Amino acid sequence: MADDLYARYMKAAAANRAHGATCSWCSPGARCETGQHLAAEFARLQDAYLKQQKKKR
């Protein structure tokens, strides 16, 4: 489960970066609808992963 969460977290991070690099509308302060979705999914998975890591300590 932990490895799967980490893999999904890293995949979401890569998708978020790739979109930001290619979308002419997105900027650090504003995102298109797709960019908003990707950023939200990345943040959700990052929070879940970090929460899981804290539990392990």
PDB file of N, CA and C in Angstrom:
ATOM      1  N   MET A   1       0.821  -1.194   0.000  1.00  0.00           N
ATOM      2  CA  MET A   1       0.000   0.000   0.000  1.00  0.00           C
ATOM      3  C   MET A   1       0.867   1.260   0.000  1.00  0.00           C
ATOM      4  N   ALA A   2       1.891   1.291   0.837  1.00  0.00           N
ATOM      5  CA  ALA A   2       2.742   2.486   0.920  1.00  0.00           C
ATOM      6  C   ALA A   2       3.452   2.742  -0.400  1.00  0.00           C
ATOM      7  N   ASP A   3       3.943   1.682  -1.023  1.00  0.00           N
ATOM      8  CA  ASP A   3       4.628   1.852  -2.300  1.00  0.00           C
ATOM      9  C   ASP A   3       3.665   2.353  -3.370  1.00  0.00           C
ATOM     10  N   ASP A   4       2.432   1.858  -3.340  1.00  0.00           N
ATOM     11  CA  ASP A   4       1.425   2.295  -4.297  1.00  0.00           C
ATOM     12  C   ASP A   4       1.099   3.772  -4.097  1.00  0.00           C
ATOM     13  N   LEU A   5       0.959   4.203  -2.853  1.00  0.00           N
ATOM     14  CA  LEU A   5       0.674   5.601  -2.560  1.00  0.00           C
ATOM     15  C   LEU A   5       1.834   6.480  -3.026  1.00  0.00           C
ATOM     16  N   TYR A   6       3.041   6.059  -2.752  1.00  0.00           N
ATOM     17  CA  TYR A   6       4.215   6.822  -3.181  1.00  0.00           C
ATOM     18  C   TYR A   6       4.257   6.922  -4.706  1.00  0.00           C
ATOM     19  N   ALA A   7       3.994   5.818  -5.389  1.00  0.00           N
ATOM     20  CA  ALA A   7       4.010   5.815  -6.861  1.00  0.00           C
ATOM     21  C   ALA A   7       2.942   6.757  -7.414  1.00  0.00           C
ATOM     22  N   ARG A   8       1.748   6.739  -6.836  1.00  0.00           N
ATOM     23  CA  ARG A   8       0.681   7.636  -7.286  1.00  0.00           C
ATOM     24  C   ARG A   8       1.046   9.089  -7.000  1.00  0.00           C
ATOM     25  N   TYR A   9       1.657   9.338  -5.861  1.00  0.00           N
ATOM     26  CA  TYR A   9       2.106  10.679  -5.481  1.00  0.00           C
ATOM     27  C   TYR A   9       3.147  11.195  -6.479  1.00  0.00           C
ATOM     28  N   MET A  10       4.109  10.374  -6.827  1.00  0.00           N
ATOM     29  CA  MET A  10       5.147  10.781  -7.771  1.00  0.00           C
ATOM     30  C   MET A  10       4.578  10.960  -9.183  1.00  0.00           C
ATOM     31  N   LYS A  11       3.633  10.106  -9.561  1.00  0.00           N
ATOM     32  CA  LYS A  11       3.003  10.232 -10.876  1.00  0.00           C
ATOM     33  C   LYS A  11       2.198  11.532 -10.954  1.00  0.00           C
ATOM     34  N   ALA A  12       1.501  11.875  -9.878  1.00  0.00           N
ATOM     35  CA  ALA A  12       0.738  13.124  -9.844  1.00  0.00           C
ATOM     36  C   ALA A  12       1.670  14.327  -9.895  1.00  0.00           C
ATOM     37  N   ALA A  13       2.804  14.245  -9.219  1.00  0.00           N
ATOM     38  CA  ALA A  13       3.779  15.340  -9.249  1.00  0.00           C
ATOM     39  C   ALA A  13       4.311  15.533 -10.665  1.00  0.00           C
ATOM     40  N   ALA A  14       4.628  14.443 -11.337  1.00  0.00           N
ATOM     41  CA  ALA A  14       5.150  14.518 -12.701  1.00  0.00           C
ATOM     42  C   ALA A  14       4.095  15.083 -13.655  1.00  0.00           C
ATOM     43  N   ALA A  15       2.861  14.652 -13.505  1.00  0.00           N
ATOM     44  CA  ALA A  15       1.787  15.155 -14.367  1.00  0.00           C
ATOM     45  C   ALA A  15       1.561  16.649 -14.138  1.00  0.00           C
ATOM     46  N   ASN A  16       1.617  17.070 -12.897  1.00  0.00           N
ATOM     47  CA  ASN A  16       1.445  18.479 -12.560  1.00  0.00           C
ATOM     48  C   ASN A  16       2.573  19.321 -13.165  1.00  0.00           C
ATOM     49  N   ARG A  17       3.804  18.852 -13.046  1.00  0.00           N
ATOM     50  CA  ARG A  17       4.953  19.568 -13.625  1.00  0.00           C
ATOM     51  C   ARG A  17       4.864  19.609 -15.148  1.00  0.00           C
ATOM     52  N   ALA A  18       4.532  18.486 -15.766  1.00  0.00           N
ATOM     53  CA  ALA A  18       4.454  18.415 -17.227  1.00  0.00           C
ATOM     54  C   ALA A  18       3.384  19.358 -17.754  1.00  0.00           C
ATOM     55  N   HIS A  19       2.248  19.382 -17.089  1.00  0.00           N
ATOM     56  CA  HIS A  19       1.182  20.275 -17.525  1.00  0.00           C
ATOM     57  C   HIS A  19       1.628  21.733 -17.394  1.00  0.00           C
ATOM     58  N   GLY A  20       2.226  22.065 -16.276  1.00  0.00           N
ATOM     59  CA  GLY A  20       2.688  23.435 -16.056  1.00  0.00           C
ATOM     60  C   GLY A  20       3.719  23.882 -17.080  1.00  0.00           C
ATOM     61  N   ALA A  21       4.512  22.942 -17.558  1.00  0.00           N
ATOM     62  CA  ALA A  21       5.550  23.267 -18.541  1.00  0.00           C
ATOM     63  C   ALA A  21       4.991  23.449 -19.947  1.00  0.00           C
ATOM     64  N   THR A  22       3.814  22.899 -20.203  1.00  0.00           N
ATOM     65  CA  THR A  22       3.278  22.954 -21.563  1.00  0.00           C
ATOM     66  C   THR A  22       2.030  23.821 -21.717  1.00  0.00           C
ATOM     67  N   CYS A  23       1.370  24.152 -20.633  1.00  0.00           N
ATOM     68  CA  CYS A  23       0.132  24.926 -20.716  1.00  0.00           C
ATOM     69  C   CYS A  23       0.460  26.413 -20.771  1.00  0.00           C
ATOM     70  N   SER A  24      -0.011  27.074 -21.807  1.00  0.00           N
ATOM     71  CA  SER A  24       0.283  28.502 -21.961  1.00  0.00           C
ATOM     72  C   SER A  24      -0.585  29.367 -21.047  1.00  0.00           C
ATOM     73  N   TRP A  25      -1.648  28.822 -20.490  1.00  0.00           N
ATOM     74  CA  TRP A  25      -2.532  29.590 -19.643  1.00  0.00           C
ATOM     75  C   TRP A  25      -2.105  29.550 -18.183  1.00  0.00           C
ATOM     76  N   CYS A  26      -1.575  28.411 -17.734  1.00  0.00           N
ATOM     77  CA  CYS A  26      -1.225  28.238 -16.325  1.00  0.00           C
ATOM     78  C   CYS A  26      -0.007  29.078 -15.945  1.00  0.00           C
ATOM     79  N   SER A  27      -0.062  29.600 -14.734  1.00  0.00           N
ATOM     80  CA  SER A  27       1.061  30.309 -14.132  1.00  0.00           C
ATOM     81  C   SER A  27       1.058  29.944 -12.647  1.00  0.00           C
ATOM     82  N   PRO A  28       2.085  30.312 -11.896  1.00  0.00           N
ATOM     83  CA  PRO A  28       2.080  29.989 -10.464  1.00  0.00           C
ATOM     84  C   PRO A  28       0.877  30.561  -9.708  1.00  0.00           C
ATOM     85  N   GLY A  29       0.343  31.674 -10.172  1.00  0.00           N
ATOM     86  CA  GLY A  29      -0.773  32.292  -9.477  1.00  0.00           C
ATOM     87  C   GLY A  29      -2.148  31.941 -10.008  1.00  0.00           C
ATOM     88  N   ALA A  30      -2.222  31.345 -11.183  1.00  0.00           N
ATOM     89  CA  ALA A  30      -3.510  31.004 -11.795  1.00  0.00           C
ATOM     90  C   ALA A  30      -3.339  29.751 -12.641  1.00  0.00           C
ATOM     91  N   ARG A  31      -4.370  28.923 -12.624  1.00  0.00           N
ATOM     92  CA  ARG A  31      -4.317  27.671 -13.378  1.00  0.00           C
ATOM     93  C   ARG A  31      -5.595  27.483 -14.181  1.00  0.00           C
ATOM     94  N   CYS A  32      -5.445  26.775 -15.294  1.00  0.00           N
ATOM     95  CA  CYS A  32      -6.619  26.392 -16.071  1.00  0.00           C
ATOM     96  C   CYS A  32      -7.359  25.293 -15.307  1.00  0.00           C
ATOM     97  N   GLU A  33      -8.494  24.881 -15.819  1.00  0.00           N
ATOM     98  CA  GLU A  33      -9.294  23.855 -15.133  1.00  0.00           C
ATOM     99  C   GLU A  33      -8.503  22.549 -14.964  1.00  0.00           C
ATOM    100  N   THR A  34      -7.831  22.137 -16.012  1.00  0.00           N
ATOM    101  CA  THR A  34      -7.027  20.908 -15.929  1.00  0.00           C
ATOM    102  C   THR A  34      -5.886  21.090 -14.932  1.00  0.00           C
ATOM    103  N   GLY A  35      -5.236  22.235 -14.982  1.00  0.00           N
ATOM    104  CA  GLY A  35      -4.142  22.522 -14.058  1.00  0.00           C
ATOM    105  C   GLY A  35      -4.614  22.523 -12.617  1.00  0.00           C
ATOM    106  N   GLN A  36      -5.805  23.060 -12.369  1.00  0.00           N
ATOM    107  CA  GLN A  36      -6.367  23.060 -11.015  1.00  0.00           C
ATOM    108  C   GLN A  36      -6.593  21.633 -10.533  1.00  0.00           C
ATOM    109  N   HIS A  37      -7.141  20.811 -11.410  1.00  0.00           N
ATOM    110  CA  HIS A  37      -7.406  19.412 -11.055  1.00  0.00           C
ATOM    111  C   HIS A  37      -6.106  18.680 -10.744  1.00  0.00           C
ATOM    112  N   LEU A  38      -5.100  18.852 -11.600  1.00  0.00           N
ATOM    113  CA  LEU A  38      -3.818  18.174 -11.386  1.00  0.00           C
ATOM    114  C   LEU A  38      -3.132  18.647 -10.107  1.00  0.00           C
ATOM    115  N   ALA A  39      -3.177  19.938  -9.848  1.00  0.00           N
ATOM    116  CA  ALA A  39      -2.562  20.481  -8.633  1.00  0.00           C
ATOM    117  C   ALA A  39      -3.283  19.981  -7.386  1.00  0.00           C
ATOM    118  N   ALA A  40      -4.601  19.917  -7.442  1.00  0.00           N
ATOM    119  CA  ALA A  40      -5.382  19.436  -6.301  1.00  0.00           C
ATOM    120  C   ALA A  40      -5.108  17.958  -6.032  1.00  0.00           C
ATOM    121  N   GLU A  41      -5.024  17.175  -7.082  1.00  0.00           N
ATOM    122  CA  GLU A  41      -4.747  15.743  -6.919  1.00  0.00           C
ATOM    123  C   GLU A  41      -3.347  15.533  -6.351  1.00  0.00           C
ATOM    124  N   PHE A  42      -2.384  16.292  -6.836  1.00  0.00           N
ATOM    125  CA  PHE A  42      -1.028  16.220  -6.307  1.00  0.00           C
ATOM    126  C   PHE A  42      -1.016  16.589  -4.821  1.00  0.00           C
ATOM    127  N   ALA A  43      -1.677  17.668  -4.454  1.00  0.00           N
ATOM    128  CA  ALA A  43      -1.711  18.102  -3.055  1.00  0.00           C
ATOM    129  C   ALA A  43      -2.383  17.061  -2.169  1.00  0.00           C
ATOM    130  N   ARG A  44      -3.474  16.470  -2.656  1.00  0.00           N
ATOM    131  CA  ARG A  44      -4.183  15.445  -1.882  1.00  0.00           C
ATOM    132  C   ARG A  44      -3.293  14.231  -1.624  1.00  0.00           C
ATOM    133  N   LEU A  45      -2.608  13.776  -2.675  1.00  0.00           N
ATOM    134  CA  LEU A  45      -1.739  12.612  -2.522  1.00  0.00           C
ATOM    135  C   LEU A  45      -0.508  12.941  -1.679  1.00  0.00           C
ATOM    136  N   GLN A  46       0.018  14.149  -1.812  1.00  0.00           N
ATOM    137  CA  GLN A  46       1.158  14.559  -1.005  1.00  0.00           C
ATOM    138  C   GLN A  46       0.768  14.567   0.476  1.00  0.00           C
ATOM    139  N   ASP A  47      -0.386  15.130   0.788  1.00  0.00           N
ATOM    140  CA  ASP A  47      -0.851  15.153   2.174  1.00  0.00           C
ATOM    141  C   ASP A  47      -1.024  13.744   2.728  1.00  0.00           C
ATOM    142  N   ALA A  48      -1.615  12.862   1.925  1.00  0.00           N
ATOM    143  CA  ALA A  48      -1.821  11.477   2.364  1.00  0.00           C
ATOM    144  C   ALA A  48      -0.490  10.778   2.603  1.00  0.00           C
ATOM    145  N   TYR A  49       0.459  10.996   1.703  1.00  0.00           N
ATOM    146  CA  TYR A  49       1.760  10.347   1.843  1.00  0.00           C
ATOM    147  C   TYR A  49       2.500  10.874   3.077  1.00  0.00           C
ATOM    148  N   LEU A  50       2.507  12.172   3.274  1.00  0.00           N
ATOM    149  CA  LEU A  50       3.199  12.745   4.431  1.00  0.00           C
ATOM    150  C   LEU A  50       2.536  12.313   5.746  1.00  0.00           C
ATOM    151  N   LYS A  51       1.225  12.223   5.744  1.00  0.00           N
ATOM    152  CA  LYS A  51       0.507  11.744   6.925  1.00  0.00           C
ATOM    153  C   LYS A  51       0.909  10.307   7.243  1.00  0.00           C
ATOM    154  N   GLN A  52       1.013   9.498   6.211  1.00  0.00           N
ATOM    155  CA  GLN A  52       1.426   8.104   6.390  1.00  0.00           C
ATOM    156  C   GLN A  52       2.853   8.025   6.933  1.00  0.00           C
ATOM    157  N   GLN A  53       3.737   8.875   6.444  1.00  0.00           N
ATOM    158  CA  GLN A  53       5.116   8.878   6.914  1.00  0.00           C
ATOM    159  C   GLN A  53       5.208   9.286   8.382  1.00  0.00           C
ATOM    160  N   LYS A  54       4.393  10.233   8.801  1.00  0.00           N
ATOM    161  CA  LYS A  54       4.388  10.661  10.211  1.00  0.00           C
ATOM    162  C   LYS A  54       3.930   9.545  11.122  1.00  0.00           C
ATOM    163  N   LYS A  55       2.985   8.733  10.644  1.00  0.00           N
ATOM    164  CA  LYS A  55       2.490   7.609  11.448  1.00  0.00           C
ATOM    165  C   LYS A  55       3.583   6.574  11.668  1.00  0.00           C
ATOM    166  N   LYS A  56       4.501   6.452  10.724  1.00  0.00           N
ATOM    167  CA  LYS A  56       5.562   5.453  10.829  1.00  0.00           C
ATOM    168  C   LYS A  56       6.608   5.820  11.879  1.00  0.00           C
ATOM    169  N   ARG A  57       6.684   7.085  12.239  1.00  0.00           N
ATOM    170  CA  ARG A  57       7.699   7.552  13.191  1.00  0.00           C
ATOM    171  C   ARG A  57       7.310   7.321  14.598  1.00  0.00           C
TER     172      ARG A  57
END
